[in-house]
Structures are given as C-alpha cells and as structure tokens.
C-alpha cells in the first residue's frame, strides 16, 4: 500500500486552525465592528456538550449566532465553550472544532464549509458524499504543465 498526502484532512485542519485563531482574538478583544458568526455544528458529536432541551429541539444539527450577547468564551486546541442566550435563558455549551459544519461571518461575506464524513452503512437512501480522492476535475483544467523558458522574456 502506498502512502498518500491527505490534502482534504490537511485543509480541514488548517480551516479549524483559522476558526481557533479568530475565536482566540474575539475572546481576548471582543467582536470588532459588525463582525458576527453563524456556526452550524453536529449536536450529536460525542464531544459536543449542550443542554438536553437544545439537543432534543435540534437533533443532528444546530446553528448558533455569536453577535450581540455571548459570555464566557473559552478557546482550546480541541474546541470552544461559550454561553449563549436562548429566549432569556443563558445556556453554556461546548463545541469541538471537528463538530463544526459551517462557520460564517456574514458581515464580510466569509464562510467555511466542512465536508461531512462518508456514512458508515446504509443511511436510508441518501447519496454518499464523495471522498476528496473522488472529486471530479473540470474539463477546462490543464492536462499538463507548459514549460516556458525564461529566455523568451529577456530583452
């Protein structure tokens, strides 16, 4: 078996690192200007922690908003905890980075979307996600690199 470079996993690690750095800055300095976040995450992730009534109300996936009021934002290497307000009821939660499905800051039209893992077994007829290695290459992509001599640019 030959070793391969897992570009998809490396990209996801880099994107999660970006989220961590942003949240560290917000924890230290607050949200600047109009910045705010919509964070969608897997409520059934084994390391996610949230109130039972929230996981019952949002089975599988939930989107939280960090904007006007949030408290106790603590950022670690594996995830972050924050207390958010749900109808005047503050609720603490812990969201691991690998539970995050999307991270969006609409104030600057920035967003990250994480591809979901392929389901293990039959999940009721939904189409399986493609693995990074199965992504299709557009037809207009160059088939081979063109070598250009630097001498052609010299005067």
C-alpha atoms as a PDB file:
ATOM      1  CA  UNK A   1       0.000   0.000   0.000  1.00  0.00           C
ATOM      2  CA  UNK A   2       1.395   3.391  -0.946  1.00  0.00           C
ATOM      3  CA  UNK A   3       1.311   6.442   1.287  1.00  0.00           C
ATOM      4  CA  UNK A   4      -0.638   9.477   0.062  1.00  0.00           C
ATOM      5  CA  UNK A   5      -0.873  13.078   1.139  1.00  0.00           C
ATOM      6  CA  UNK A   6      -4.299  13.656   2.714  1.00  0.00           C
ATOM      7  CA  UNK A   7      -4.965  17.130   1.284  1.00  0.00           C
ATOM      8  CA  UNK A   8      -8.595  17.146   2.402  1.00  0.00           C
ATOM      9  CA  UNK A   9      -7.694  16.417   6.026  1.00  0.00           C
ATOM     10  CA  UNK A  10      -4.852  18.954   5.944  1.00  0.00           C
ATOM     11  CA  UNK A  11      -7.199  21.629   4.576  1.00  0.00           C
ATOM     12  CA  UNK A  12      -9.806  20.912   7.258  1.00  0.00           C
ATOM     13  CA  UNK A  13      -7.110  21.143   9.959  1.00  0.00           C
ATOM     14  CA  UNK A  14      -5.988  24.497   8.549  1.00  0.00           C
ATOM     15  CA  UNK A  15      -9.585  25.795   8.408  1.00  0.00           C
ATOM     16  CA  UNK A  16     -10.201  24.705  12.003  1.00  0.00           C
ATOM     17  CA  UNK A  17      -6.969  26.442  12.994  1.00  0.00           C
ATOM     18  CA  UNK A  18      -8.283  29.624  11.388  1.00  0.00           C
ATOM     19  CA  UNK A  19     -11.521  29.366  13.414  1.00  0.00           C
ATOM     20  CA  UNK A  20      -9.476  28.819  16.578  1.00  0.00           C
ATOM     21  CA  UNK A  21      -7.353  31.933  15.899  1.00  0.00           C
ATOM     22  CA  UNK A  22     -10.436  34.056  15.199  1.00  0.00           C
ATOM     23  CA  UNK A  23     -12.135  32.870  18.389  1.00  0.00           C
ATOM     24  CA  UNK A  24      -8.966  33.447  20.443  1.00  0.00           C
ATOM     25  CA  UNK A  25      -8.901  37.045  19.197  1.00  0.00           C
ATOM     26  CA  UNK A  26     -12.610  37.506  19.985  1.00  0.00           C
ATOM     27  CA  UNK A  27     -12.123  36.007  23.473  1.00  0.00           C
ATOM     28  CA  UNK A  28      -9.297  38.487  24.147  1.00  0.00           C
ATOM     29  CA  UNK A  29     -10.686  41.592  22.420  1.00  0.00           C
ATOM     30  CA  UNK A  30     -14.397  41.118  21.707  1.00  0.00           C
ATOM     31  CA  UNK A  31     -16.113  41.160  18.324  1.00  0.00           C
ATOM     32  CA  UNK A  32     -14.861  44.104  16.228  1.00  0.00           C
ATOM     33  CA  UNK A  33     -17.260  46.304  14.277  1.00  0.00           C
ATOM     34  CA  UNK A  34     -20.151  44.466  12.645  1.00  0.00           C
ATOM     35  CA  UNK A  35     -18.496  41.042  12.767  1.00  0.00           C
ATOM     36  CA  UNK A  36     -20.674  38.174  13.959  1.00  0.00           C
ATOM     37  CA  UNK A  37     -20.703  34.428  13.430  1.00  0.00           C
ATOM     38  CA  UNK A  38     -23.214  31.795  12.389  1.00  0.00           C
ATOM     39  CA  UNK A  39     -21.789  28.458  13.490  1.00  0.00           C
ATOM     40  CA  UNK A  40     -23.557  25.269  12.448  1.00  0.00           C
ATOM     41  CA  UNK A  41     -22.453  22.129  14.260  1.00  0.00           C
ATOM     42  CA  UNK A  42     -23.322  18.480  14.788  1.00  0.00           C
ATOM     43  CA  UNK A  43     -25.328  18.282  18.016  1.00  0.00           C
ATOM     44  CA  UNK A  44     -24.794  14.507  18.110  1.00  0.00           C
ATOM     45  CA  UNK A  45     -20.989  14.737  18.074  1.00  0.00           C
ATOM     46  CA  UNK A  46     -19.756  12.656  21.025  1.00  0.00           C
ATOM     47  CA  UNK A  47     -17.749  15.570  22.493  1.00  0.00           C
ATOM     48  CA  UNK A  48     -20.366  18.309  21.968  1.00  0.00           C
ATOM     49  CA  UNK A  49     -21.959  19.500  25.201  1.00  0.00           C
ATOM     50  CA  UNK A  50     -25.287  21.326  25.278  1.00  0.00           C
ATOM     51  CA  UNK A  51     -28.474  21.320  27.310  1.00  0.00           C
ATOM     52  CA  UNK A  52     -30.720  18.300  26.757  1.00  0.00           C
ATOM     53  CA  UNK A  53     -33.608  20.522  25.668  1.00  0.00           C
ATOM     54  CA  UNK A  54     -31.410  22.045  22.937  1.00  0.00           C
ATOM     55  CA  UNK A  55     -30.197  18.692  21.606  1.00  0.00           C
ATOM     56  CA  UNK A  56     -33.813  17.423  21.688  1.00  0.00           C
ATOM     57  CA  UNK A  57     -35.019  20.504  19.812  1.00  0.00           C
ATOM     58  CA  UNK A  58     -32.155  20.403  17.291  1.00  0.00           C
ATOM     59  CA  UNK A  59     -31.328  16.739  16.671  1.00  0.00           C
ATOM     60  CA  UNK A  60     -28.366  16.331  14.353  1.00  0.00           C
ATOM     61  CA  UNK A  61     -27.573  19.956  13.590  1.00  0.00           C
ATOM     62  CA  UNK A  62     -27.892  23.393  15.148  1.00  0.00           C
ATOM     63  CA  UNK A  63     -26.833  26.901  14.126  1.00  0.00           C
ATOM     64  CA  UNK A  64     -25.830  29.339  16.853  1.00  0.00           C
ATOM     65  CA  UNK A  65     -25.182  33.050  16.461  1.00  0.00           C
ATOM     66  CA  UNK A  66     -22.430  34.922  18.262  1.00  0.00           C
ATOM     67  CA  UNK A  67     -23.267  38.584  17.918  1.00  0.00           C
ATOM     68  CA  UNK A  68     -24.838  40.885  20.492  1.00  0.00           C
ATOM     69  CA  UNK A  69     -24.627  38.758  23.625  1.00  0.00           C
ATOM     70  CA  UNK A  70     -22.326  35.898  24.487  1.00  0.00           C
ATOM     71  CA  UNK A  71     -20.400  35.143  27.644  1.00  0.00           C
ATOM     72  CA  UNK A  72     -17.568  33.002  28.970  1.00  0.00           C
ATOM     73  CA  UNK A  73     -15.937  32.310  25.605  1.00  0.00           C
ATOM     74  CA  UNK A  74     -13.058  29.933  26.264  1.00  0.00           C
ATOM     75  CA  UNK A  75     -10.987  28.584  23.385  1.00  0.00           C
ATOM     76  CA  UNK A  76      -8.876  25.414  23.496  1.00  0.00           C
ATOM     77  CA  UNK A  77      -6.961  23.403  20.926  1.00  0.00           C
ATOM     78  CA  UNK A  78      -9.888  20.978  20.505  1.00  0.00           C
ATOM     79  CA  UNK A  79     -12.903  23.317  20.605  1.00  0.00           C
ATOM     80  CA  UNK A  80     -14.525  26.192  22.423  1.00  0.00           C
ATOM     81  CA  UNK A  81     -17.087  26.776  25.142  1.00  0.00           C
ATOM     82  CA  UNK A  82     -19.447  29.711  25.230  1.00  0.00           C
ATOM     83  CA  UNK A  83     -22.644  30.730  26.987  1.00  0.00           C
ATOM     84  CA  UNK A  84     -25.358  31.934  24.616  1.00  0.00           C
ATOM     85  CA  UNK A  85     -28.810  33.365  25.275  1.00  0.00           C
ATOM     86  CA  UNK A  86     -31.860  31.346  24.176  1.00  0.00           C
ATOM     87  CA  UNK A  87     -35.047  33.317  24.924  1.00  0.00           C
ATOM     88  CA  UNK A  88     -33.563  34.991  28.011  1.00  0.00           C
ATOM     89  CA  UNK A  89     -32.167  31.650  29.197  1.00  0.00           C
ATOM     90  CA  UNK A  90     -28.345  31.626  29.191  1.00  0.00           C
ATOM     91  CA  UNK A  91     -27.059  28.174  28.220  1.00  0.00           C
ATOM     92  CA  UNK A  92     -23.420  27.055  28.294  1.00  0.00           C
ATOM     93  CA  UNK A  93     -22.212  24.780  25.511  1.00  0.00           C
ATOM     94  CA  UNK A  94     -19.023  23.206  24.247  1.00  0.00           C
ATOM     95  CA  UNK A  95     -18.436  22.820  20.506  1.00  0.00           C
ATOM     96  CA  UNK A  96     -15.474  20.755  19.294  1.00  0.00           C
ATOM     97  CA  UNK A  97     -13.928  22.080  16.083  1.00  0.00           C
ATOM     98  CA  UNK A  98     -14.489  18.777  14.320  1.00  0.00           C
ATOM     99  CA  UNK A  99     -18.243  19.064  15.048  1.00  0.00           C
ATOM    100  CA  UNK A 100     -18.435  22.340  13.079  1.00  0.00           C
ATOM    101  CA  UNK A 101     -20.124  22.029   9.686  1.00  0.00           C
ATOM    102  CA  UNK A 102     -20.143  25.711   8.694  1.00  0.00           C
ATOM    103  CA  UNK A 103     -18.592  28.877  10.068  1.00  0.00           C
ATOM    104  CA  UNK A 104     -19.877  32.116   8.518  1.00  0.00           C
ATOM    105  CA  UNK A 105     -19.192  35.787   9.190  1.00  0.00           C
ATOM    106  CA  UNK A 106     -21.851  37.474   7.016  1.00  0.00           C
ATOM    107  CA  UNK A 107     -20.553  40.965   7.793  1.00  0.00           C
ATOM    108  CA  UNK A 108     -17.619  40.340   5.463  1.00  0.00           C
ATOM    109  CA  UNK A 109     -19.140  37.562   3.322  1.00  0.00           C
ATOM    110  CA  UNK A 110     -16.722  34.975   4.709  1.00  0.00           C
ATOM    111  CA  UNK A 111     -17.632  31.351   5.174  1.00  0.00           C
ATOM    112  CA  UNK A 112     -16.166  27.895   5.640  1.00  0.00           C
ATOM    113  CA  UNK A 113     -17.973  24.648   4.944  1.00  0.00           C
ATOM    114  CA  UNK A 114     -16.631  21.309   6.073  1.00  0.00           C
ATOM    115  CA  UNK A 115     -17.327  18.222   4.003  1.00  0.00           C
ATOM    116  CA  UNK A 116     -19.063  15.541   6.029  1.00  0.00           C
ATOM    117  CA  UNK A 117     -17.568  12.119   6.553  1.00  0.00           C
ATOM    118  CA  UNK A 118     -18.896   9.339   4.388  1.00  0.00           C
ATOM    119  CA  UNK A 119     -21.701   7.488   6.153  1.00  0.00           C
ATOM    120  CA  UNK A 120     -20.795   4.057   7.505  1.00  0.00           C
ATOM    121  CA  UNK A 121     -23.507   1.816   6.114  1.00  0.00           C
ATOM    122  CA  UNK A 122     -26.994   2.402   4.758  1.00  0.00           C
ATOM    123  CA  UNK A 123     -28.432   5.678   5.994  1.00  0.00           C
ATOM    124  CA  UNK A 124     -31.871   5.453   4.466  1.00  0.00           C
ATOM    125  CA  UNK A 125     -31.159   6.199   0.843  1.00  0.00           C
ATOM    126  CA  UNK A 126     -29.248   9.462   0.879  1.00  0.00           C
ATOM    127  CA  UNK A 127     -26.454   9.805  -1.623  1.00  0.00           C
ATOM    128  CA  UNK A 128     -22.977   9.179  -0.233  1.00  0.00           C
ATOM    129  CA  UNK A 129     -20.555  12.081  -0.046  1.00  0.00           C
ATOM    130  CA  UNK A 130     -17.593  11.935  -2.391  1.00  0.00           C
ATOM    131  CA  UNK A 131     -14.200  11.469  -0.826  1.00  0.00           C
ATOM    132  CA  UNK A 132     -11.543  14.049  -1.593  1.00  0.00           C
ATOM    133  CA  UNK A 133      -9.872  11.497  -3.860  1.00  0.00           C
ATOM    134  CA  UNK A 134     -13.107  11.141  -5.865  1.00  0.00           C
ATOM    135  CA  UNK A 135     -13.550  14.812  -6.700  1.00  0.00           C
ATOM    136  CA  UNK A 136     -14.066  15.455 -10.378  1.00  0.00           C
ATOM    137  CA  UNK A 137     -11.601  17.604 -12.275  1.00  0.00           C
ATOM    138  CA  UNK A 138     -13.239  20.196 -14.543  1.00  0.00           C
ATOM    139  CA  UNK A 139     -12.632  19.605 -18.248  1.00  0.00           C
ATOM    140  CA  UNK A 140     -11.099  23.033 -18.716  1.00  0.00           C
ATOM    141  CA  UNK A 141      -8.316  22.238 -16.247  1.00  0.00           C
ATOM    142  CA  UNK A 142      -4.939  21.961 -17.962  1.00  0.00           C
ATOM    143  CA  UNK A 143      -3.879  18.372 -18.611  1.00  0.00           C
ATOM    144  CA  UNK A 144      -0.138  19.041 -18.389  1.00  0.00           C
ATOM    145  CA  UNK A 145       2.098  21.869 -17.310  1.00  0.00           C
ATOM    146  CA  UNK A 146       3.555  24.040 -20.029  1.00  0.00           C
ATOM    147  CA  UNK A 147       7.249  24.748 -19.647  1.00  0.00           C
ATOM    148  CA  UNK A 148       8.237  28.257 -20.627  1.00  0.00           C
ATOM    149  CA  UNK A 149      11.843  29.304 -20.988  1.00  0.00           C
ATOM    150  CA  UNK A 150      12.795  32.443 -19.102  1.00  0.00           C
ATOM    151  CA  UNK A 151      14.903  33.417 -22.109  1.00  0.00           C
ATOM    152  CA  UNK A 152      11.731  34.276 -24.038  1.00  0.00           C
ATOM    153  CA  UNK A 153      11.093  37.165 -21.554  1.00  0.00           C
ATOM    154  CA  UNK A 154      14.587  38.644 -21.721  1.00  0.00           C
ATOM    155  CA  UNK A 155      15.296  41.612 -23.972  1.00  0.00           C
END
